[in-house]
Amino acid sequence: MHSHVLNLGRQMGRNLLQQAMAASLCALLLTLAARADSQADDLWRQGKEAALAHPQQALQLFNRALEKNPNHALAYCDRGELWLRMGRKDLAWQDFNQSFRISPNHKAATELGVFCDGRDDGEQAIKYYSEAIRFDPKDTLPYEKRGKAYQIAGNLAAAIRDFQKALALNSTDAEACRLMGACLYGQKSYGQALKVLDQAIQMEKKLGWKAYCELELRAQTHEELGEYTTAVADFRASLKERSYDKVELELVKALLKLGRNAEAEVELDKMVAHNPKDEDVFLKRASVLLLLNQTQKALLDYKTAAALDDESFEAQDGMAVCYEKLGQKELALKARQQSQRLHKRSLEL
């Protein structure tokens, strides 16, 4: 009996010793892990501080932080941003994904949404932006980005709601204001679109930015309302801030609708002067000259376009139209056949 009690006591002692050693080992491991996490945090913070001025040093610090703590979500996220600045989008995508897998967060979700936008995957981009909004509903950027993704997808009502939310958070968000104006234009709510675009233009001016996009869209809105004189003024204002052949062509069309043909021709000449090596510009001017019954001038432009691009079936087709109007049937037939050959070749490429 005495021996049995003694053996039992010894066993209990050994168990207690093992438990104490296990607890001590566990405490040691926790201490080491906490120390490694602390060291990883220090390295991550140093990397953030060095990122702008010393990107290579920052990269090394982030790498060391992740060696200390392979589950440091923020280190992955900040290293992803660094990869982006270095032009390594493939590595950035991997780091943002890893950050989000370890611990879903606002920053990684926003960046992944931007990546999906760039890959024309609007549906997935919207999901990531929605996650970013869930983590930080006070940040305007995900609302603006998601609104744009909705706009591209054709869901203008959802886009407008997001732009309104962005503006509620930041009343000087000119980009959200402009995009909301574009959505209202797309909904044919032209009166509301004008009000919003007016606000966007004022915001841009206060920030010292150019407002050519807003001016162009406002001009198009005035056109839809039949207000061509105002549209011309806005197109001209847009062109003062940026030379762009699409806007110049819109201005020409508005002038033609007002019967101001001489002014339209002047603008056409400016358009070509700005882009003397662009065959598309000559094609556009030729099409307008045809509307003005200036067939010889149009023919010269189509010939110039063909010389700039010998694969342009549009130029050959335009030449055929001009030759037909001038009664030169053989030349018209030849140009038409060449246009068909080039068109067929373009479809085969």
Protein backbone atom coordinates (compact mmCIF):
# COMPACT_ATOMS: atom_id res chain seq x y z
CA MET A 1 0.00 0.00 0.00
CA HIS A 2 2.80 2.37 0.96
CA SER A 3 4.69 1.49 -2.23
CA HIS A 4 1.62 2.14 -4.38
CA VAL A 5 1.07 5.57 -2.85
CA LEU A 6 4.73 6.37 -3.31
CA ASN A 7 4.65 5.41 -7.01
CA LEU A 8 1.46 7.41 -7.51
CA GLY A 9 3.10 10.44 -5.95
CA ARG A 10 6.13 10.07 -8.17
CA GLN A 11 3.92 9.85 -11.27
CA MET A 12 1.98 12.95 -10.26
CA GLY A 13 5.27 14.76 -9.68
CA ARG A 14 6.52 13.82 -13.12
CA ASN A 15 3.21 14.97 -14.69
CA LEU A 16 3.38 18.27 -12.87
CA LEU A 17 6.99 18.71 -13.97
CA GLN A 18 6.07 17.96 -17.59
CA GLN A 19 3.15 20.39 -17.41
CA ALA A 20 5.40 23.06 -15.92
CA MET A 21 8.01 22.48 -18.64
CA ALA A 22 5.33 22.60 -21.35
CA ALA A 23 3.91 25.81 -19.91
CA SER A 24 7.40 27.27 -19.71
CA LEU A 25 8.13 26.27 -23.30
CA CYS A 26 4.79 27.70 -24.44
CA ALA A 27 5.52 30.95 -22.63
CA LEU A 28 8.98 31.05 -24.22
CA LEU A 29 7.54 30.47 -27.69
CA LEU A 30 4.92 33.16 -27.13
CA THR A 31 7.63 35.54 -25.94
CA LEU A 32 9.77 34.77 -28.99
CA ALA A 33 6.77 35.18 -31.30
CA ALA A 34 5.83 38.47 -29.66
CA ARG A 35 9.44 39.62 -29.97
CA ALA A 36 9.49 38.62 -33.66
CA ASP A 37 6.17 40.42 -34.23
CA SER A 38 7.54 43.51 -32.50
CA GLN A 39 10.70 43.39 -34.61
CA ALA A 40 8.58 42.92 -37.75
CA ASP A 41 6.49 45.96 -36.80
CA ASP A 42 9.63 48.05 -36.30
CA LEU A 43 11.04 46.96 -39.66
CA TRP A 44 7.70 47.63 -41.38
CA ARG A 45 7.53 51.16 -39.92
CA GLN A 46 11.11 51.85 -41.01
CA GLY A 47 10.20 50.61 -44.49
CA LYS A 48 7.21 52.97 -44.67
CA GLU A 49 9.42 55.91 -43.68
CA ALA A 50 12.04 55.03 -46.30
CA ALA A 51 9.61 54.14 -49.12
CA LEU A 52 9.49 57.52 -50.91
CA ALA A 53 13.12 58.61 -50.66
CA HIS A 54 14.87 55.23 -50.55
CA PRO A 55 12.72 52.57 -52.28
CA GLN A 56 15.45 49.88 -52.43
CA GLN A 57 16.18 50.25 -48.73
CA ALA A 58 12.44 50.15 -48.01
CA LEU A 59 12.13 46.95 -50.03
CA GLN A 60 14.84 45.29 -47.94
CA LEU A 61 13.14 46.41 -44.73
CA PHE A 62 9.76 45.03 -45.85
CA ASN A 63 11.43 41.75 -46.82
CA ARG A 64 13.04 41.46 -43.39
CA ALA A 65 9.74 42.31 -41.70
CA LEU A 66 8.05 39.48 -43.58
CA GLU A 67 10.85 37.08 -42.64
CA LYS A 68 10.18 37.90 -39.00
CA ASN A 69 6.41 37.68 -39.44
CA PRO A 70 5.16 36.00 -42.64
CA ASN A 71 1.59 36.99 -41.73
CA HIS A 72 2.19 40.75 -41.57
CA ALA A 73 -0.68 41.89 -43.82
CA LEU A 74 0.29 45.58 -43.78
CA ALA A 75 3.89 44.83 -44.78
CA TYR A 76 2.60 42.91 -47.81
CA CYS A 77 0.31 45.81 -48.67
CA ASP A 78 3.01 48.47 -48.42
CA ARG A 79 5.50 46.32 -50.31
CA GLY A 80 2.81 45.95 -53.00
CA GLU A 81 2.61 49.74 -53.29
CA LEU A 82 6.39 49.85 -53.60
CA TRP A 83 6.33 47.24 -56.38
CA LEU A 84 3.77 49.39 -58.21
CA ARG A 85 6.06 52.42 -58.10
CA MET A 86 8.86 50.23 -59.42
CA GLY A 87 6.69 49.10 -62.32
CA ARG A 88 6.37 45.50 -61.09
CA LYS A 89 2.62 45.08 -61.31
CA ASP A 90 2.87 41.28 -61.20
CA LEU A 91 4.59 41.31 -57.81
CA ALA A 92 2.29 44.07 -56.55
CA TRP A 93 -0.77 41.98 -57.46
CA GLN A 94 0.69 39.00 -55.52
CA ASP A 95 1.39 41.10 -52.43
CA PHE A 96 -2.01 42.77 -52.36
CA ASN A 97 -3.68 39.39 -52.73
CA GLN A 98 -1.56 37.90 -49.93
CA SER A 99 -2.35 40.87 -47.68
CA PHE A 100 -6.06 40.46 -48.31
CA ARG A 101 -5.91 36.68 -47.70
CA ILE A 102 -4.11 37.10 -44.39
CA SER A 103 -6.36 39.87 -43.12
CA PRO A 104 -8.95 41.52 -45.40
CA ASN A 105 -8.29 45.26 -45.19
CA HIS A 106 -9.31 48.55 -46.78
CA LYS A 107 -5.99 49.33 -48.47
CA ALA A 108 -5.53 45.94 -50.14
CA ALA A 109 -9.18 45.83 -51.22
CA THR A 110 -8.91 49.23 -52.89
CA GLU A 111 -5.71 48.32 -54.72
CA LEU A 112 -7.12 44.99 -55.87
CA GLY A 113 -10.16 46.84 -57.18
CA VAL A 114 -7.89 49.15 -59.20
CA PHE A 115 -6.09 46.10 -60.61
CA CYS A 116 -9.39 44.52 -61.65
CA ASP A 117 -10.42 47.79 -63.31
CA GLY A 118 -7.22 47.70 -65.31
CA ARG A 119 -8.06 44.17 -66.43
CA ASP A 120 -11.57 45.20 -67.49
CA ASP A 121 -13.04 42.97 -64.77
CA GLY A 122 -15.59 45.48 -63.52
CA GLU A 123 -17.68 42.93 -61.64
CA GLN A 124 -14.75 41.82 -59.46
CA ALA A 125 -13.59 45.43 -59.07
CA ILE A 126 -17.00 46.38 -57.66
CA LYS A 127 -16.74 43.54 -55.12
CA TYR A 128 -13.33 44.71 -53.92
CA TYR A 129 -14.41 48.37 -53.72
CA SER A 130 -17.47 47.28 -51.73
CA GLU A 131 -15.14 45.50 -49.29
CA ALA A 132 -12.98 48.62 -49.04
CA ILE A 133 -16.07 50.70 -48.25
CA ARG A 134 -17.11 48.19 -45.58
CA PHE A 135 -13.73 48.55 -43.86
CA ASP A 136 -13.62 52.35 -44.13
CA PRO A 137 -16.94 54.00 -45.10
CA LYS A 138 -15.39 57.47 -44.68
CA ASP A 139 -12.90 57.17 -47.56
CA THR A 140 -14.14 58.79 -50.76
CA LEU A 141 -11.84 56.92 -53.16
CA PRO A 142 -13.60 53.52 -53.17
CA TYR A 143 -16.98 55.24 -53.71
CA GLU A 144 -15.53 57.16 -56.65
CA LYS A 145 -13.86 54.06 -58.11
CA ARG A 146 -16.91 51.86 -57.62
CA GLY A 147 -19.12 54.55 -59.13
CA LYS A 148 -16.92 54.62 -62.22
CA ALA A 149 -17.08 50.82 -62.46
CA TYR A 150 -20.88 50.98 -62.23
CA GLN A 151 -20.87 53.70 -64.91
CA ILE A 152 -18.83 51.54 -67.29
CA ALA A 153 -21.17 48.62 -66.59
CA GLY A 154 -24.15 50.81 -67.54
CA ASN A 155 -25.65 50.95 -64.04
CA LEU A 156 -25.90 54.75 -64.01
CA ALA A 157 -28.29 54.95 -61.05
CA ALA A 158 -25.87 53.02 -58.80
CA ALA A 159 -22.98 55.12 -60.12
CA ILE A 160 -24.77 58.37 -59.28
CA ARG A 161 -25.45 57.13 -55.73
CA ASP A 162 -21.75 56.43 -55.22
CA PHE A 163 -20.70 59.82 -56.62
CA GLN A 164 -23.24 61.52 -54.36
CA LYS A 165 -21.78 59.66 -51.37
CA ALA A 166 -18.26 60.68 -52.36
CA LEU A 167 -19.36 64.31 -52.61
CA ALA A 168 -21.12 64.09 -49.26
CA LEU A 169 -17.81 63.02 -47.72
CA ASN A 170 -15.75 65.52 -49.72
CA SER A 171 -17.63 68.45 -51.23
CA THR A 172 -14.57 69.45 -53.33
CA ASP A 173 -14.24 66.10 -55.14
CA ALA A 174 -14.23 67.50 -58.68
CA GLU A 175 -13.71 64.08 -60.27
CA ALA A 176 -16.81 62.60 -58.61
CA CYS A 177 -18.78 65.70 -59.62
CA ARG A 178 -17.68 65.42 -63.27
CA LEU A 179 -18.45 61.71 -63.42
CA MET A 180 -21.89 62.28 -61.90
CA GLY A 181 -22.52 64.90 -64.59
CA ALA A 182 -21.55 62.34 -67.24
CA CYS A 183 -23.98 59.81 -65.75
CA LEU A 184 -26.81 62.34 -65.71
CA TYR A 185 -25.99 63.12 -69.34
CA GLY A 186 -26.17 59.39 -70.05
CA GLN A 187 -29.61 59.30 -68.41
CA LYS A 188 -30.63 62.25 -70.64
CA SER A 189 -31.24 64.35 -67.53
CA TYR A 190 -29.65 67.30 -69.32
CA GLY A 191 -30.86 70.04 -66.97
CA GLN A 192 -29.43 68.28 -63.92
CA ALA A 193 -26.27 67.42 -65.84
CA LEU A 194 -25.65 71.11 -66.60
CA LYS A 195 -26.00 72.08 -62.93
CA VAL A 196 -23.58 69.37 -61.81
CA LEU A 197 -21.07 70.16 -64.57
CA ASP A 198 -21.19 73.87 -63.64
CA GLN A 199 -20.25 72.84 -60.09
CA ALA A 200 -17.45 70.60 -61.36
CA ILE A 201 -15.98 73.41 -63.48
CA GLN A 202 -16.00 75.78 -60.48
CA MET A 203 -14.29 73.12 -58.35
CA GLU A 204 -11.59 72.62 -60.98
CA LYS A 205 -10.95 76.37 -61.21
CA LYS A 206 -10.65 76.71 -57.42
CA LEU A 207 -8.10 73.88 -57.41
CA GLY A 208 -6.20 75.50 -60.28
CA TRP A 209 -6.89 72.55 -62.58
CA LYS A 210 -7.95 72.56 -66.21
CA ALA A 211 -11.59 71.76 -66.85
CA TYR A 212 -11.49 70.76 -70.53
CA CYS A 213 -13.34 67.47 -69.93
CA GLU A 214 -16.16 69.20 -68.08
CA LEU A 215 -16.36 71.96 -70.71
CA GLU A 216 -16.52 69.41 -73.52
CA LEU A 217 -19.29 67.45 -71.79
CA ARG A 218 -21.20 70.64 -70.99
CA ALA A 219 -20.94 71.65 -74.65
CA GLN A 220 -22.36 68.28 -75.71
CA THR A 221 -25.19 68.72 -73.21
CA HIS A 222 -26.02 72.14 -74.67
CA GLU A 223 -26.04 70.49 -78.12
CA GLU A 224 -28.59 67.95 -76.95
CA LEU A 225 -30.76 70.86 -75.79
CA GLY A 226 -30.35 72.56 -79.18
CA GLU A 227 -28.31 75.38 -77.63
CA TYR A 228 -25.61 75.40 -80.30
CA THR A 229 -24.30 78.92 -79.67
CA THR A 230 -23.55 78.05 -76.04
CA ALA A 231 -22.12 74.70 -77.16
CA VAL A 232 -19.71 76.49 -79.51
CA ALA A 233 -18.54 78.73 -76.66
CA ASP A 234 -17.87 75.73 -74.43
CA PHE A 235 -16.09 73.79 -77.17
CA ARG A 236 -13.86 76.82 -77.78
CA ALA A 237 -13.16 77.13 -74.04
CA SER A 238 -12.25 73.45 -73.90
CA LEU A 239 -9.85 73.81 -76.84
CA LYS A 240 -8.10 76.74 -75.12
CA GLU A 241 -7.11 74.34 -72.34
CA ARG A 242 -6.29 71.34 -74.52
CA SER A 243 -5.94 70.76 -78.25
CA TYR A 244 -7.89 67.64 -79.15
CA ASP A 245 -9.18 66.75 -82.60
CA LYS A 246 -12.38 65.12 -81.27
CA VAL A 247 -13.40 68.38 -79.58
CA GLU A 248 -12.42 70.37 -82.66
CA LEU A 249 -14.66 68.15 -84.79
CA GLU A 250 -17.54 68.61 -82.33
CA LEU A 251 -17.02 72.36 -82.54
CA VAL A 252 -17.12 72.18 -86.36
CA LYS A 253 -20.40 70.24 -86.27
CA ALA A 254 -21.95 72.79 -83.90
CA LEU A 255 -20.84 75.65 -86.16
CA LEU A 256 -22.32 73.90 -89.19
CA LYS A 257 -25.66 73.54 -87.42
CA LEU A 258 -25.60 77.29 -86.83
CA GLY A 259 -24.80 77.86 -90.52
CA ARG A 260 -21.42 79.35 -89.65
CA ASN A 261 -19.64 77.43 -92.41
CA ALA A 262 -16.68 79.80 -92.82
CA GLU A 263 -15.83 79.45 -89.12
CA ALA A 264 -16.22 75.69 -89.43
CA GLU A 265 -13.64 75.59 -92.23
CA VAL A 266 -11.19 77.63 -90.15
CA GLU A 267 -11.53 75.13 -87.31
CA LEU A 268 -11.03 72.24 -89.73
CA ASP A 269 -7.78 73.81 -90.89
CA LYS A 270 -6.65 74.19 -87.26
CA MET A 271 -7.47 70.55 -86.63
CA VAL A 272 -5.21 69.46 -89.49
CA ALA A 273 -2.46 71.90 -88.46
CA HIS A 274 -2.38 70.33 -85.00
CA ASN A 275 -2.15 66.79 -86.45
CA PRO A 276 -0.38 66.98 -89.85
CA LYS A 277 0.69 63.31 -89.79
CA ASP A 278 -2.59 61.81 -88.62
CA GLU A 279 -4.56 60.28 -91.51
CA ASP A 280 -7.68 60.06 -89.33
CA VAL A 281 -7.79 63.86 -89.04
CA PHE A 282 -7.69 64.22 -92.82
CA LEU A 283 -10.50 61.65 -93.10
CA LYS A 284 -12.61 63.67 -90.67
CA ARG A 285 -12.00 66.96 -92.45
CA ALA A 286 -12.78 65.32 -95.81
CA SER A 287 -16.12 64.00 -94.52
CA VAL A 288 -17.12 67.50 -93.40
CA LEU A 289 -15.94 69.06 -96.67
CA LEU A 290 -18.20 66.61 -98.51
CA LEU A 291 -21.14 67.86 -96.45
CA LEU A 292 -20.21 71.37 -97.58
CA ASN A 293 -20.13 70.16 -101.22
CA GLN A 294 -16.43 70.98 -101.48
CA THR A 295 -15.69 67.77 -103.32
CA GLN A 296 -12.29 68.69 -104.77
CA LYS A 297 -10.94 69.70 -101.35
CA ALA A 298 -12.37 66.54 -99.83
CA LEU A 299 -10.70 64.45 -102.52
CA LEU A 300 -7.32 66.01 -101.73
CA ASP A 301 -7.76 65.14 -98.05
CA TYR A 302 -8.71 61.55 -98.85
CA LYS A 303 -5.62 61.28 -101.10
CA THR A 304 -3.45 62.66 -98.27
CA ALA A 305 -4.95 60.14 -95.85
CA ALA A 306 -4.23 57.33 -98.33
CA ALA A 307 -0.64 58.53 -98.69
CA LEU A 308 -0.20 58.56 -94.90
CA ASP A 309 -1.70 55.07 -94.58
CA ASP A 310 -1.68 52.90 -97.69
CA GLU A 311 -3.84 50.33 -95.85
CA SER A 312 -6.71 52.78 -95.23
CA PHE A 313 -9.80 51.41 -96.94
CA GLU A 314 -11.75 54.41 -95.57
CA ALA A 315 -9.54 56.76 -97.60
CA GLN A 316 -10.09 54.72 -100.77
CA ASP A 317 -13.83 54.59 -100.13
CA GLY A 318 -13.93 58.37 -99.66
CA MET A 319 -12.01 58.86 -102.87
CA ALA A 320 -14.58 56.68 -104.66
CA VAL A 321 -17.42 58.86 -103.36
CA CYS A 322 -15.63 62.01 -104.53
CA TYR A 323 -14.90 60.59 -107.98
CA GLU A 324 -18.56 59.57 -108.36
CA LYS A 325 -19.69 63.10 -107.46
CA LEU A 326 -17.22 64.50 -109.99
CA GLY A 327 -18.47 62.10 -112.70
CA GLN A 328 -15.18 60.20 -112.96
CA LYS A 329 -16.68 56.72 -112.99
CA GLU A 330 -13.57 54.71 -113.90
CA LEU A 331 -11.52 56.24 -111.10
CA ALA A 332 -14.47 55.74 -108.73
CA LEU A 333 -14.66 52.03 -109.62
CA LYS A 334 -10.91 51.59 -109.20
CA ALA A 335 -10.94 53.27 -105.77
CA ARG A 336 -13.98 51.24 -104.70
CA GLN A 337 -12.31 47.97 -105.67
CA GLN A 338 -9.14 48.96 -103.82
CA SER A 339 -11.23 49.85 -100.77
CA GLN A 340 -12.87 46.41 -100.83
CA ARG A 341 -9.49 44.65 -101.15
CA LEU A 342 -8.05 46.59 -98.21
CA HIS A 343 -11.15 46.02 -96.12
CA LYS A 344 -11.02 42.27 -96.79
CA ARG A 345 -7.31 42.23 -95.90
CA SER A 346 -7.97 44.04 -92.61
CA LEU A 347 -10.56 41.42 -91.63
CA GLU A 348 -8.06 38.63 -92.31
CA LEU A 349 -5.36 40.11 -90.06
